[in-house]
N, C-alpha and C. Protein backbone atom coordinates (compact mmCIF):
# COMPACT_ATOMS: atom_id res chain seq x y z
N MET A 1 50.68 8.27 -5.12
CA MET A 1 50.16 8.07 -3.66
C MET A 1 48.90 7.09 -3.56
N LYS A 2 48.96 6.39 -2.68
CA LYS A 2 47.93 5.20 -2.34
C LYS A 2 46.61 6.01 -2.02
N LYS A 3 45.53 5.70 -2.73
CA LYS A 3 44.22 6.20 -2.53
C LYS A 3 43.25 5.14 -1.54
N GLU A 4 43.75 5.05 -0.27
CA GLU A 4 43.08 4.33 0.54
C GLU A 4 41.42 4.56 0.89
N PHE A 5 41.40 5.91 0.46
CA PHE A 5 39.71 6.31 0.77
C PHE A 5 38.82 6.04 -0.34
N TRP A 6 39.51 5.45 -1.42
CA TRP A 6 38.56 4.93 -2.72
C TRP A 6 38.08 3.44 -2.39
N ASP A 7 36.78 3.45 -2.78
CA ASP A 7 36.18 2.01 -2.74
C ASP A 7 35.76 1.63 -4.25
N ARG A 8 35.56 2.79 -5.17
CA ARG A 8 35.22 2.60 -6.53
C ARG A 8 35.74 3.92 -7.30
N ALA A 9 35.65 3.57 -8.55
CA ALA A 9 36.15 4.69 -9.40
C ALA A 9 35.24 4.75 -10.64
N ILE A 10 34.98 5.89 -11.07
CA ILE A 10 34.10 6.13 -12.40
C ILE A 10 35.14 7.06 -13.31
N VAL A 11 35.16 6.16 -14.40
CA VAL A 11 36.02 6.88 -15.54
C VAL A 11 35.40 7.36 -16.59
N PHE A 12 35.53 8.28 -17.31
CA PHE A 12 34.82 8.78 -18.55
C PHE A 12 35.87 9.28 -19.54
N SER A 13 35.68 9.06 -20.73
CA SER A 13 36.49 9.59 -21.79
C SER A 13 35.89 10.08 -23.01
N SER A 14 36.50 10.84 -23.94
CA SER A 14 36.10 11.14 -25.24
C SER A 14 36.82 10.53 -26.37
N LYS A 15 36.12 10.39 -27.58
CA LYS A 15 36.79 9.75 -28.64
C LYS A 15 37.63 10.66 -29.38
N ASP A 16 38.64 10.26 -30.15
CA ASP A 16 39.61 10.90 -30.90
C ASP A 16 40.20 12.21 -30.24
N ASP A 17 40.75 12.05 -28.93
CA ASP A 17 41.19 13.08 -28.20
C ASP A 17 40.43 14.54 -28.53
N TYR A 18 39.14 14.26 -28.11
CA TYR A 18 38.15 15.33 -28.48
C TYR A 18 38.44 16.41 -27.28
N LEU A 19 38.64 16.10 -26.21
CA LEU A 19 38.83 17.01 -24.96
C LEU A 19 40.11 17.47 -24.87
N THR A 20 40.29 19.01 -24.78
CA THR A 20 41.49 19.45 -24.61
C THR A 20 41.90 19.68 -23.11
N LYS A 21 43.20 19.90 -22.69
CA LYS A 21 43.49 19.86 -21.21
C LYS A 21 42.64 20.96 -20.67
N THR A 22 42.65 22.20 -21.07
CA THR A 22 41.83 23.03 -20.50
C THR A 22 40.44 22.66 -20.12
N GLN A 23 39.70 22.09 -21.24
CA GLN A 23 38.47 21.60 -21.03
C GLN A 23 38.26 20.72 -20.04
N ILE A 24 39.29 19.70 -19.91
CA ILE A 24 39.21 18.67 -18.74
C ILE A 24 39.28 19.31 -17.29
N GLN A 25 40.17 20.47 -17.30
CA GLN A 25 40.40 21.27 -16.02
C GLN A 25 39.07 21.79 -15.72
N TYR A 26 38.36 22.27 -16.59
CA TYR A 26 36.87 22.91 -16.42
C TYR A 26 35.95 22.06 -15.92
N LEU A 27 35.92 20.76 -16.56
CA LEU A 27 35.13 19.77 -16.15
C LEU A 27 35.48 19.12 -14.62
N GLU A 28 36.66 19.13 -14.43
CA GLU A 28 37.11 18.76 -13.05
C GLU A 28 36.75 19.65 -11.91
N ALA A 29 36.96 20.95 -12.41
CA ALA A 29 36.44 22.01 -11.35
C ALA A 29 34.95 21.91 -11.22
N LYS A 30 34.21 21.89 -12.25
CA LYS A 30 32.83 21.74 -12.25
C LYS A 30 32.24 20.67 -11.58
N LEU A 31 32.83 19.41 -11.67
CA LEU A 31 32.52 18.13 -10.92
C LEU A 31 32.42 18.44 -9.28
N VAL A 32 33.85 18.96 -9.02
CA VAL A 32 34.09 19.06 -7.63
C VAL A 32 33.16 20.10 -6.78
N LYS A 33 33.11 21.23 -7.70
CA LYS A 33 32.14 22.33 -7.26
C LYS A 33 30.62 21.64 -6.98
N GLU A 34 30.29 21.10 -8.00
CA GLU A 34 28.83 20.63 -7.88
C GLU A 34 28.66 19.47 -6.73
N ILE A 35 29.60 18.64 -6.65
CA ILE A 35 29.49 17.55 -5.62
C ILE A 35 29.49 18.08 -4.18
N ARG A 36 30.46 19.00 -3.97
CA ARG A 36 30.66 19.78 -2.63
C ARG A 36 29.25 20.50 -2.42
N LYS A 37 28.65 21.25 -3.30
CA LYS A 37 27.53 22.10 -3.10
C LYS A 37 26.33 21.18 -2.81
N ILE A 38 25.99 20.07 -3.65
CA ILE A 38 24.86 19.26 -3.71
C ILE A 38 24.85 18.35 -2.60
N GLN A 39 25.95 17.57 -2.42
CA GLN A 39 26.00 16.38 -1.45
C GLN A 39 26.75 16.85 -0.16
N SER A 40 27.40 17.82 -0.02
CA SER A 40 28.05 18.15 1.30
C SER A 40 29.04 16.85 1.82
N THR A 41 29.62 16.32 0.74
CA THR A 41 30.52 15.35 1.00
C THR A 41 32.16 15.79 1.15
N ILE A 42 32.92 15.08 1.70
CA ILE A 42 34.40 15.26 1.81
C ILE A 42 34.98 14.87 0.78
N THR A 43 35.66 15.80 -0.08
CA THR A 43 36.44 15.63 -1.42
C THR A 43 37.88 15.55 -1.08
N GLU A 44 38.52 14.63 -1.64
CA GLU A 44 40.02 14.51 -1.51
C GLU A 44 40.54 14.86 -2.95
N ASN A 45 41.19 15.97 -2.88
CA ASN A 45 41.63 16.71 -4.19
C ASN A 45 42.84 17.40 -3.93
N ILE A 46 43.89 17.03 -4.41
CA ILE A 46 45.23 17.78 -4.22
C ILE A 46 45.14 19.14 -5.01
N GLN A 47 44.61 18.96 -6.32
CA GLN A 47 44.46 20.36 -7.15
C GLN A 47 43.52 21.24 -6.75
N ILE A 48 43.93 22.51 -6.75
CA ILE A 48 42.83 23.63 -6.45
C ILE A 48 41.90 23.69 -7.53
N THR A 49 40.66 23.41 -7.48
CA THR A 49 39.65 23.33 -8.52
C THR A 49 39.10 24.68 -8.79
N LYS A 50 40.09 25.68 -9.72
CA LYS A 50 39.64 26.72 -10.14
C LYS A 50 39.26 26.56 -11.53
N GLU A 51 37.93 27.26 -11.99
CA GLU A 51 37.76 27.07 -13.36
C GLU A 51 38.68 27.94 -14.28
N PRO A 52 39.09 27.18 -15.24
CA PRO A 52 40.02 27.95 -16.14
C PRO A 52 39.05 28.88 -17.19
N ILE A 53 39.72 29.69 -17.89
CA ILE A 53 38.86 30.65 -18.88
C ILE A 53 38.84 29.91 -19.95
N LEU A 54 37.52 29.94 -20.54
CA LEU A 54 37.21 29.25 -21.80
C LEU A 54 36.35 30.18 -22.69
N SER A 55 36.46 30.10 -23.88
CA SER A 55 35.62 30.75 -24.76
C SER A 55 34.26 30.40 -24.61
N GLU A 56 33.38 31.39 -24.84
CA GLU A 56 31.73 31.17 -24.73
C GLU A 56 31.38 29.70 -25.61
N VAL A 57 32.02 29.62 -26.51
CA VAL A 57 31.57 28.33 -27.21
C VAL A 57 32.05 27.15 -26.51
N ASP A 58 33.36 27.03 -26.10
CA ASP A 58 33.78 25.84 -25.32
C ASP A 58 33.12 25.69 -24.09
N ARG A 59 32.82 26.86 -23.54
CA ARG A 59 31.99 26.63 -22.15
C ARG A 59 30.78 26.20 -22.39
N ALA A 60 30.03 26.53 -23.37
CA ALA A 60 28.74 25.83 -23.56
C ALA A 60 28.76 24.56 -23.95
N GLU A 61 29.84 24.05 -24.79
CA GLU A 61 30.23 22.79 -25.10
C GLU A 61 30.53 21.93 -23.92
N MET A 62 31.31 22.24 -23.05
CA MET A 62 31.57 21.56 -21.93
C MET A 62 30.34 21.54 -20.84
N GLU A 63 29.27 22.46 -20.83
CA GLU A 63 28.22 22.28 -19.84
C GLU A 63 27.22 21.28 -20.59
N GLU A 64 27.38 21.18 -21.91
CA GLU A 64 26.54 20.07 -22.46
C GLU A 64 27.23 18.74 -22.25
N PHE A 65 28.40 18.59 -22.17
CA PHE A 65 29.18 17.42 -22.04
C PHE A 65 28.84 17.03 -20.44
N TYR A 66 28.86 18.07 -19.56
CA TYR A 66 28.75 17.77 -18.14
C TYR A 66 27.25 17.07 -18.13
N GLN A 67 26.09 17.87 -18.72
CA GLN A 67 24.96 17.26 -18.50
C GLN A 67 24.78 15.99 -19.18
N ALA A 68 25.52 15.43 -20.30
CA ALA A 68 25.32 14.14 -20.67
C ALA A 68 26.09 13.20 -19.65
N LEU A 69 27.26 13.76 -18.97
CA LEU A 69 28.05 12.74 -18.01
C LEU A 69 26.90 12.57 -16.90
N SER A 70 26.20 13.54 -16.45
CA SER A 70 25.33 13.52 -15.33
C SER A 70 24.19 12.53 -15.72
N LEU A 71 23.58 12.74 -16.80
CA LEU A 71 22.56 11.72 -17.33
C LEU A 71 23.06 10.25 -17.33
N LEU A 72 24.22 10.04 -17.75
CA LEU A 72 24.94 8.68 -17.65
C LEU A 72 25.09 8.01 -16.39
N LEU A 73 25.66 8.91 -15.51
CA LEU A 73 25.90 8.57 -14.00
C LEU A 73 24.36 8.11 -13.55
N LYS A 74 23.28 8.96 -13.73
CA LYS A 74 22.05 8.55 -13.21
C LYS A 74 21.47 7.25 -13.75
N THR A 75 21.83 7.06 -15.03
CA THR A 75 21.39 5.74 -15.67
C THR A 75 21.98 4.54 -14.97
N PHE A 76 23.21 4.72 -14.64
CA PHE A 76 23.89 3.62 -13.96
C PHE A 76 23.73 3.59 -12.31
N GLY A 77 22.78 4.47 -11.99
CA GLY A 77 22.34 4.27 -10.44
C GLY A 77 23.14 5.34 -9.55
N TYR A 78 24.04 6.33 -10.18
CA TYR A 78 24.71 7.26 -9.46
C TYR A 78 24.19 8.48 -9.70
N ASP A 79 23.39 9.04 -8.48
CA ASP A 79 22.68 10.38 -8.85
C ASP A 79 23.01 11.28 -8.03
N PHE A 80 24.58 11.41 -7.82
CA PHE A 80 25.12 12.25 -6.68
C PHE A 80 25.38 13.68 -7.31
N LEU A 81 25.04 13.86 -8.64
CA LEU A 81 25.27 15.25 -9.17
C LEU A 81 23.89 15.92 -9.19
N GLU A 82 22.84 15.32 -8.70
CA GLU A 82 21.63 16.09 -8.71
C GLU A 82 21.07 16.36 -7.20
N GLU A 83 20.47 17.33 -6.91
CA GLU A 83 19.78 17.82 -5.69
C GLU A 83 18.50 16.89 -5.60
N LYS A 84 18.41 15.87 -4.72
CA LYS A 84 17.19 15.17 -4.69
C LYS A 84 16.10 15.39 -3.67
N SER A 85 16.60 16.39 -2.75
CA SER A 85 15.53 16.69 -1.71
C SER A 85 14.35 17.43 -2.54
N VAL A 86 13.16 17.29 -1.99
CA VAL A 86 12.09 17.79 -2.69
C VAL A 86 11.14 18.63 -1.75
N ASN A 87 10.81 19.77 -2.27
CA ASN A 87 9.81 20.53 -1.42
C ASN A 87 8.49 20.43 -1.96
N LEU A 88 7.60 19.82 -1.21
CA LEU A 88 6.40 19.38 -2.02
C LEU A 88 5.51 20.65 -1.99
N ASP A 89 5.71 21.90 -1.26
CA ASP A 89 5.05 22.84 -1.27
C ASP A 89 5.13 23.64 -2.76
N ASN A 90 6.09 23.20 -3.39
CA ASN A 90 6.38 23.74 -4.63
C ASN A 90 5.88 22.86 -5.80
N THR A 91 5.24 21.85 -5.59
CA THR A 91 4.80 20.97 -6.62
C THR A 91 3.16 21.27 -6.58
N SER A 92 2.79 21.00 -7.67
CA SER A 92 1.22 21.20 -7.95
C SER A 92 0.47 20.05 -7.42
N ASP A 93 -0.74 20.31 -7.05
CA ASP A 93 -1.44 19.21 -6.57
C ASP A 93 -2.02 18.41 -7.51
N LYS A 94 -1.59 17.01 -7.32
CA LYS A 94 -1.92 15.92 -8.37
C LYS A 94 -2.84 14.83 -7.82
N GLU A 95 -3.35 15.19 -6.86
CA GLU A 95 -4.06 14.00 -6.15
C GLU A 95 -5.30 13.52 -7.01
N THR A 96 -5.90 14.42 -7.79
CA THR A 96 -6.80 14.11 -8.59
C THR A 96 -6.42 13.71 -10.05
N GLU A 97 -5.17 13.70 -10.37
CA GLU A 97 -4.77 13.46 -11.67
C GLU A 97 -4.89 11.96 -11.82
N LYS A 98 -5.85 11.43 -12.87
CA LYS A 98 -5.94 10.13 -13.16
C LYS A 98 -5.95 9.80 -14.51
N SER A 99 -5.14 10.47 -15.20
CA SER A 99 -5.02 10.23 -16.82
C SER A 99 -4.49 8.94 -16.98
N GLU A 100 -4.46 8.29 -18.17
CA GLU A 100 -3.96 6.93 -18.63
C GLU A 100 -2.50 6.94 -18.21
N GLU A 101 -1.78 8.00 -18.46
CA GLU A 101 -0.42 8.08 -18.42
C GLU A 101 0.05 8.69 -17.13
N GLY A 102 -0.45 8.85 -16.12
CA GLY A 102 0.17 9.38 -14.95
C GLY A 102 -0.98 9.36 -13.80
N PHE A 103 -1.79 8.20 -13.76
CA PHE A 103 -2.88 8.29 -13.02
C PHE A 103 -2.40 7.95 -11.54
N MET A 104 -1.31 7.64 -11.35
CA MET A 104 -0.65 7.44 -9.99
C MET A 104 0.13 8.50 -9.32
N GLU A 105 0.20 9.75 -10.06
CA GLU A 105 0.95 10.84 -9.77
C GLU A 105 0.19 11.45 -8.43
N GLY A 106 0.91 11.72 -7.50
CA GLY A 106 0.38 12.31 -6.25
C GLY A 106 -0.26 11.57 -5.19
N VAL A 107 -0.50 10.14 -5.50
CA VAL A 107 -1.04 9.27 -4.54
C VAL A 107 0.02 8.94 -3.50
N VAL A 108 -0.42 8.80 -2.26
CA VAL A 108 0.57 8.37 -1.27
C VAL A 108 0.57 6.87 -1.14
N PHE A 109 1.78 6.34 -1.38
CA PHE A 109 1.93 4.77 -1.25
C PHE A 109 2.61 4.55 0.07
N LYS A 110 2.51 3.19 0.65
CA LYS A 110 2.84 3.00 2.00
C LYS A 110 3.87 1.53 1.58
N PHE A 111 4.78 1.46 2.44
CA PHE A 111 5.81 0.38 2.51
C PHE A 111 6.16 0.17 3.93
N GLU A 112 5.83 -1.10 4.39
CA GLU A 112 6.32 -1.66 5.70
C GLU A 112 7.32 -2.83 5.53
N ILE A 113 8.28 -2.71 6.20
CA ILE A 113 9.29 -3.87 6.26
C ILE A 113 9.94 -3.71 7.62
N LYS A 114 9.91 -5.09 8.29
CA LYS A 114 10.62 -5.16 9.54
C LYS A 114 9.83 -4.01 10.49
N ASP A 115 10.43 -3.24 11.14
CA ASP A 115 9.72 -2.19 12.04
C ASP A 115 9.69 -0.75 11.15
N ALA A 116 10.12 -0.74 10.06
CA ALA A 116 10.03 0.65 9.30
C ALA A 116 8.66 0.66 8.56
N VAL A 117 8.24 1.94 8.66
CA VAL A 117 7.07 2.27 7.79
C VAL A 117 7.51 3.61 6.99
N SER A 118 7.36 3.52 5.68
CA SER A 118 7.47 4.61 4.95
C SER A 118 6.56 4.85 3.86
N TYR A 119 6.47 6.08 3.42
CA TYR A 119 5.55 6.79 2.41
C TYR A 119 6.17 7.37 1.33
N MET A 120 5.49 7.35 0.12
CA MET A 120 6.21 7.68 -0.98
C MET A 120 5.05 8.26 -1.95
N LYS A 121 5.42 9.38 -2.77
CA LYS A 121 4.51 9.96 -3.78
C LYS A 121 5.39 9.87 -5.17
N ILE A 122 4.68 9.89 -6.20
CA ILE A 122 5.23 10.02 -7.50
C ILE A 122 4.93 11.57 -7.98
N ILE A 123 6.16 12.32 -8.04
CA ILE A 123 6.12 13.60 -8.37
C ILE A 123 6.92 14.08 -9.72
N ASP A 124 6.42 14.18 -10.95
CA ASP A 124 7.08 14.59 -11.93
C ASP A 124 8.00 13.44 -12.41
N ASN A 125 7.54 12.43 -12.43
CA ASN A 125 8.16 11.10 -12.75
C ASN A 125 9.33 10.70 -11.80
N ASP A 126 9.52 11.37 -10.62
CA ASP A 126 10.32 10.95 -9.54
C ASP A 126 9.67 10.23 -8.44
N TYR A 127 10.24 9.39 -7.65
CA TYR A 127 9.61 8.51 -6.67
C TYR A 127 10.07 9.19 -5.38
N VAL A 128 9.25 9.93 -4.63
CA VAL A 128 9.64 10.71 -3.56
C VAL A 128 9.28 10.06 -2.38
N VAL A 129 10.29 9.50 -1.58
CA VAL A 129 10.14 9.03 -0.09
C VAL A 129 9.91 10.14 0.74
N LEU A 130 8.75 10.24 1.52
CA LEU A 130 8.28 11.37 2.28
C LEU A 130 9.11 11.55 3.67
N GLU A 131 9.30 12.78 4.08
CA GLU A 131 9.92 13.14 5.42
C GLU A 131 8.96 12.47 6.29
N GLY A 132 9.64 12.04 7.25
CA GLY A 132 8.90 11.21 8.49
C GLY A 132 8.98 9.76 8.33
N SER A 133 9.22 9.21 7.11
CA SER A 133 9.44 7.78 6.93
C SER A 133 10.49 7.20 7.69
N THR A 134 10.30 5.94 8.16
CA THR A 134 11.39 5.39 8.80
C THR A 134 12.05 4.33 7.83
N ILE A 135 13.43 4.08 8.11
CA ILE A 135 14.16 3.29 7.20
C ILE A 135 14.97 2.44 7.94
N VAL A 136 15.05 1.07 7.28
CA VAL A 136 15.92 -0.08 8.02
C VAL A 136 17.25 0.47 8.00
N LYS A 137 17.92 0.52 9.17
CA LYS A 137 19.21 1.07 9.44
C LYS A 137 20.27 -0.05 8.67
N GLU A 138 20.31 -1.46 8.98
CA GLU A 138 21.22 -2.24 8.58
C GLU A 138 21.03 -2.57 7.13
N GLY A 139 22.11 -2.31 6.34
CA GLY A 139 22.15 -2.59 4.87
C GLY A 139 22.27 -4.12 4.63
N ARG A 140 21.80 -4.46 3.77
CA ARG A 140 21.96 -5.85 3.08
C ARG A 140 23.35 -5.89 2.40
N GLN A 141 23.94 -7.33 2.11
CA GLN A 141 25.15 -7.28 1.39
C GLN A 141 24.88 -6.96 -0.17
N ASN A 142 23.60 -7.03 -0.63
CA ASN A 142 23.36 -6.65 -2.07
C ASN A 142 22.85 -5.11 -2.19
N ILE A 143 23.08 -4.47 -1.38
CA ILE A 143 22.66 -3.06 -1.48
C ILE A 143 23.20 -2.32 -2.76
N PRO A 144 22.46 -1.82 -3.53
CA PRO A 144 22.86 -1.39 -4.71
C PRO A 144 23.73 -0.12 -4.49
N PRO A 145 24.76 0.35 -5.18
CA PRO A 145 25.87 1.45 -5.10
C PRO A 145 24.88 2.97 -5.04
N GLY A 146 24.01 2.91 -5.79
CA GLY A 146 23.23 4.20 -5.78
C GLY A 146 22.38 4.46 -4.62
N VAL A 147 21.68 3.28 -3.99
CA VAL A 147 21.20 3.41 -2.60
C VAL A 147 22.24 3.58 -1.51
N LEU A 148 23.33 3.09 -1.50
CA LEU A 148 24.36 3.30 -0.57
C LEU A 148 24.69 4.79 -0.54
N GLU A 149 24.99 5.29 -1.78
CA GLU A 149 25.41 6.60 -1.96
C GLU A 149 24.48 7.59 -1.41
N ALA A 150 23.14 7.19 -1.54
CA ALA A 150 21.90 8.25 -1.38
C ALA A 150 21.90 8.12 0.43
N ARG A 151 22.11 6.91 1.05
CA ARG A 151 22.16 6.82 2.40
C ARG A 151 23.22 7.61 2.85
N GLN A 152 24.41 7.52 2.43
CA GLN A 152 25.48 8.32 3.25
C GLN A 152 25.43 9.69 2.84
N THR A 153 24.80 10.11 1.67
CA THR A 153 24.73 11.56 1.41
C THR A 153 23.70 12.06 2.40
N LEU A 154 22.65 11.44 2.62
CA LEU A 154 21.61 11.94 3.55
C LEU A 154 21.90 11.92 5.09
N ILE A 155 22.89 11.00 5.38
CA ILE A 155 23.56 11.02 6.81
C ILE A 155 24.41 12.15 6.88
N ASN A 156 25.16 12.45 5.81
CA ASN A 156 26.23 13.50 5.81
C ASN A 156 25.50 14.84 6.02
N LYS A 157 24.33 15.06 5.31
CA LYS A 157 23.55 16.32 5.34
C LYS A 157 22.47 16.39 6.49
N GLY A 158 22.58 15.54 7.25
CA GLY A 158 21.52 15.45 8.57
C GLY A 158 20.15 15.09 8.20
N TYR A 159 19.93 14.80 7.06
CA TYR A 159 18.66 14.39 6.58
C TYR A 159 18.16 12.85 6.93
N LEU A 160 18.97 11.91 7.38
CA LEU A 160 18.78 10.80 7.69
C LEU A 160 19.46 10.71 9.12
N VAL A 161 18.49 10.63 10.11
CA VAL A 161 18.88 10.52 11.55
C VAL A 161 18.49 9.40 12.24
N LYS A 162 18.98 9.12 13.58
CA LYS A 162 18.73 7.76 14.28
C LYS A 162 17.30 8.22 14.79
N ASP A 163 16.55 6.99 14.81
CA ASP A 163 15.16 7.06 15.29
C ASP A 163 15.13 6.50 16.63
N GLN A 164 13.93 6.58 17.42
CA GLN A 164 13.88 6.20 18.67
C GLN A 164 14.20 4.67 18.63
N ASN A 165 13.55 4.03 17.72
CA ASN A 165 13.97 2.54 17.36
C ASN A 165 15.33 2.43 16.98
N ASN A 166 16.28 1.87 17.66
CA ASN A 166 17.69 1.95 17.16
C ASN A 166 18.09 1.19 16.07
N LYS A 167 17.11 0.54 15.48
CA LYS A 167 17.22 -0.43 14.31
C LYS A 167 16.86 0.55 12.93
N LEU A 168 16.46 1.64 13.40
CA LEU A 168 15.81 2.30 12.26
C LEU A 168 16.52 3.60 12.08
N TYR A 169 16.47 4.29 10.95
CA TYR A 169 16.92 5.84 10.93
C TYR A 169 15.39 6.49 10.43
N LYS A 170 15.44 7.69 10.59
CA LYS A 170 14.26 8.58 10.18
C LYS A 170 14.86 9.61 9.09
N LEU A 171 13.91 9.82 8.18
CA LEU A 171 14.17 10.63 7.06
C LEU A 171 13.39 12.00 7.56
N THR A 172 14.22 13.13 7.52
CA THR A 172 13.83 14.49 7.68
C THR A 172 13.61 15.32 6.58
N GLU A 173 13.77 14.89 5.39
CA GLU A 173 13.51 15.71 4.26
C GLU A 173 12.86 14.62 3.15
N ASN A 174 12.04 15.12 2.23
CA ASN A 174 11.45 14.43 1.16
C ASN A 174 12.68 14.16 0.19
N TYR A 175 12.77 12.96 -0.32
CA TYR A 175 13.91 12.67 -1.17
C TYR A 175 13.58 11.78 -2.39
N ALA A 176 13.94 12.20 -3.53
CA ALA A 176 13.38 11.49 -4.86
C ALA A 176 14.32 10.39 -5.21
N PHE A 177 13.98 9.51 -5.93
CA PHE A 177 14.67 8.31 -6.61
C PHE A 177 13.98 8.24 -7.95
N GLN A 178 14.84 7.66 -8.90
CA GLN A 178 14.49 7.42 -10.44
C GLN A 178 13.48 6.38 -10.54
N SER A 179 13.38 5.42 -9.69
CA SER A 179 12.54 4.20 -9.81
C SER A 179 11.89 3.76 -8.39
N PRO A 180 10.66 3.22 -8.53
CA PRO A 180 10.11 2.65 -7.49
C PRO A 180 10.92 1.94 -6.41
N SER A 181 11.83 1.04 -7.46
CA SER A 181 12.54 0.01 -6.63
C SER A 181 13.87 0.57 -5.92
N TYR A 182 14.36 1.71 -6.59
CA TYR A 182 15.40 2.36 -5.83
C TYR A 182 14.85 2.99 -4.51
N ALA A 183 13.73 3.59 -4.54
CA ALA A 183 13.10 3.97 -3.38
C ALA A 183 12.82 3.09 -2.41
N SER A 184 12.07 1.84 -2.80
CA SER A 184 11.95 0.87 -1.83
C SER A 184 13.31 0.13 -1.14
N GLY A 185 14.43 0.12 -2.22
CA GLY A 185 15.59 -0.45 -1.78
C GLY A 185 16.19 0.56 -0.71
N PHE A 186 16.08 1.76 -1.05
CA PHE A 186 16.72 2.71 0.00
C PHE A 186 16.03 2.47 1.56
N VAL A 187 14.65 2.16 1.56
CA VAL A 187 14.09 1.87 2.84
C VAL A 187 14.36 0.70 3.38
N ALA A 188 14.37 -0.39 2.51
CA ALA A 188 14.80 -1.91 2.88
C ALA A 188 16.28 -2.10 3.13
N GLY A 189 17.19 -1.27 2.54
CA GLY A 189 18.63 -1.38 2.74
C GLY A 189 19.28 -2.40 1.78
N GLY A 190 18.64 -2.80 0.66
CA GLY A 190 19.07 -3.84 -0.29
C GLY A 190 18.13 -3.77 -1.56
N ASN A 191 18.43 -4.54 -2.41
CA ASN A 191 17.50 -4.94 -3.64
C ASN A 191 16.05 -5.04 -3.21
N ASP A 192 15.28 -4.48 -3.89
CA ASP A 192 13.73 -4.53 -3.54
C ASP A 192 13.06 -4.22 -4.88
N ASN A 193 11.88 -4.96 -5.03
CA ASN A 193 10.85 -4.79 -6.09
C ASN A 193 9.87 -3.79 -5.53
N GLY A 194 10.13 -2.55 -5.94
CA GLY A 194 9.10 -1.48 -5.54
C GLY A 194 7.61 -1.50 -6.06
N TRP A 195 7.58 -2.22 -7.26
CA TRP A 195 6.38 -2.45 -7.82
C TRP A 195 5.43 -3.24 -7.22
N THR A 196 5.93 -4.15 -6.14
CA THR A 196 5.27 -4.92 -5.33
C THR A 196 5.38 -4.66 -3.90
N SER A 197 6.23 -3.65 -3.59
CA SER A 197 6.42 -3.39 -2.11
C SER A 197 5.53 -2.06 -1.64
N TRP A 198 5.30 -1.13 -2.66
CA TRP A 198 4.70 0.05 -2.27
C TRP A 198 3.20 -0.31 -2.71
N LYS A 199 2.38 0.05 -1.63
CA LYS A 199 1.06 -0.31 -1.68
C LYS A 199 0.03 0.96 -1.52
N TYR A 200 -1.29 0.92 -2.05
CA TYR A 200 -2.19 1.97 -1.71
C TYR A 200 -3.48 1.15 -1.59
N ASN A 201 -4.25 1.38 -0.61
CA ASN A 201 -5.41 0.73 -0.35
C ASN A 201 -5.25 -0.87 -0.47
N GLY A 202 -4.11 -1.46 -0.08
CA GLY A 202 -3.88 -2.78 -0.15
C GLY A 202 -3.45 -3.49 -1.37
N LYS A 203 -3.40 -2.48 -2.42
CA LYS A 203 -2.98 -2.98 -3.83
C LYS A 203 -1.62 -2.50 -3.98
N THR A 204 -0.85 -3.31 -4.79
CA THR A 204 0.50 -2.86 -5.30
C THR A 204 0.42 -1.96 -6.34
N MET A 205 1.59 -1.47 -6.67
CA MET A 205 1.84 -0.54 -7.79
C MET A 205 1.46 -1.15 -9.17
N SER A 206 2.09 -2.38 -9.12
CA SER A 206 1.94 -3.29 -10.18
C SER A 206 0.50 -3.58 -10.53
N GLU A 207 -0.43 -3.91 -9.46
CA GLU A 207 -1.77 -4.28 -9.68
C GLU A 207 -2.49 -2.95 -10.08
N LEU A 208 -2.16 -1.87 -9.56
CA LEU A 208 -2.79 -0.41 -9.82
C LEU A 208 -2.58 -0.34 -11.25
N GLU A 209 -1.43 -0.51 -11.84
CA GLU A 209 -1.16 -0.08 -13.06
C GLU A 209 -1.61 -1.02 -14.16
N ASP A 210 -1.77 -2.30 -13.72
CA ASP A 210 -2.48 -3.27 -14.47
C ASP A 210 -3.97 -3.05 -14.94
N ASN A 211 -4.54 -2.58 -13.64
CA ASN A 211 -5.80 -2.15 -13.69
C ASN A 211 -6.32 -0.83 -14.17
N ASN A 212 -5.23 0.13 -14.05
CA ASN A 212 -5.23 1.29 -14.44
C ASN A 212 -6.53 1.94 -13.63
N ASN A 213 -6.58 1.45 -12.36
CA ASN A 213 -7.68 2.02 -11.26
C ASN A 213 -7.16 2.04 -10.12
N LEU A 214 -7.44 3.17 -9.42
CA LEU A 214 -7.08 3.45 -7.92
C LEU A 214 -8.20 3.03 -7.08
């Protein structure tokens, strides 16, 4: 059957025929379940994804395999296996934390590009673009796959909606990224250097880090 809905494929494998057929079926069911739950995406899957019965040892081993797979995907810019909306009411107040290793935690940064104005906080090593930020609607040709995935996910979930300015989107939920450049790329619609785009009191993140001073 021709998969006309595909535009990219991600393949993983194990060495030495390590995974059994039943373990693979478990991983397939787990992946489809998590993607549907987290991303609210449409999945095209002929198989009915019912988790097979595994021993307690095999199940624990497959959960560990799943976590490793999720981490590898995130490393390559695909974070669709993680819930990235953030409730700031559940985070500690870090406005006054200014230790050498996390002095920018909790500070509100600003990024302006074209007509878009966005705000971002660093929370627990994530770069959280804040609810109410406006986002450039038209994506560039060099938009990273992870940024494109995040945009489509948020549109599907109703977290990225049309703004009064028809050239912009508006973000209705706080959303976390793994780097400042992914966060600014999400706002700009293409590759962007977040270390120079996000600013606080007129200084870039790079300048603040170099000086270790807010």
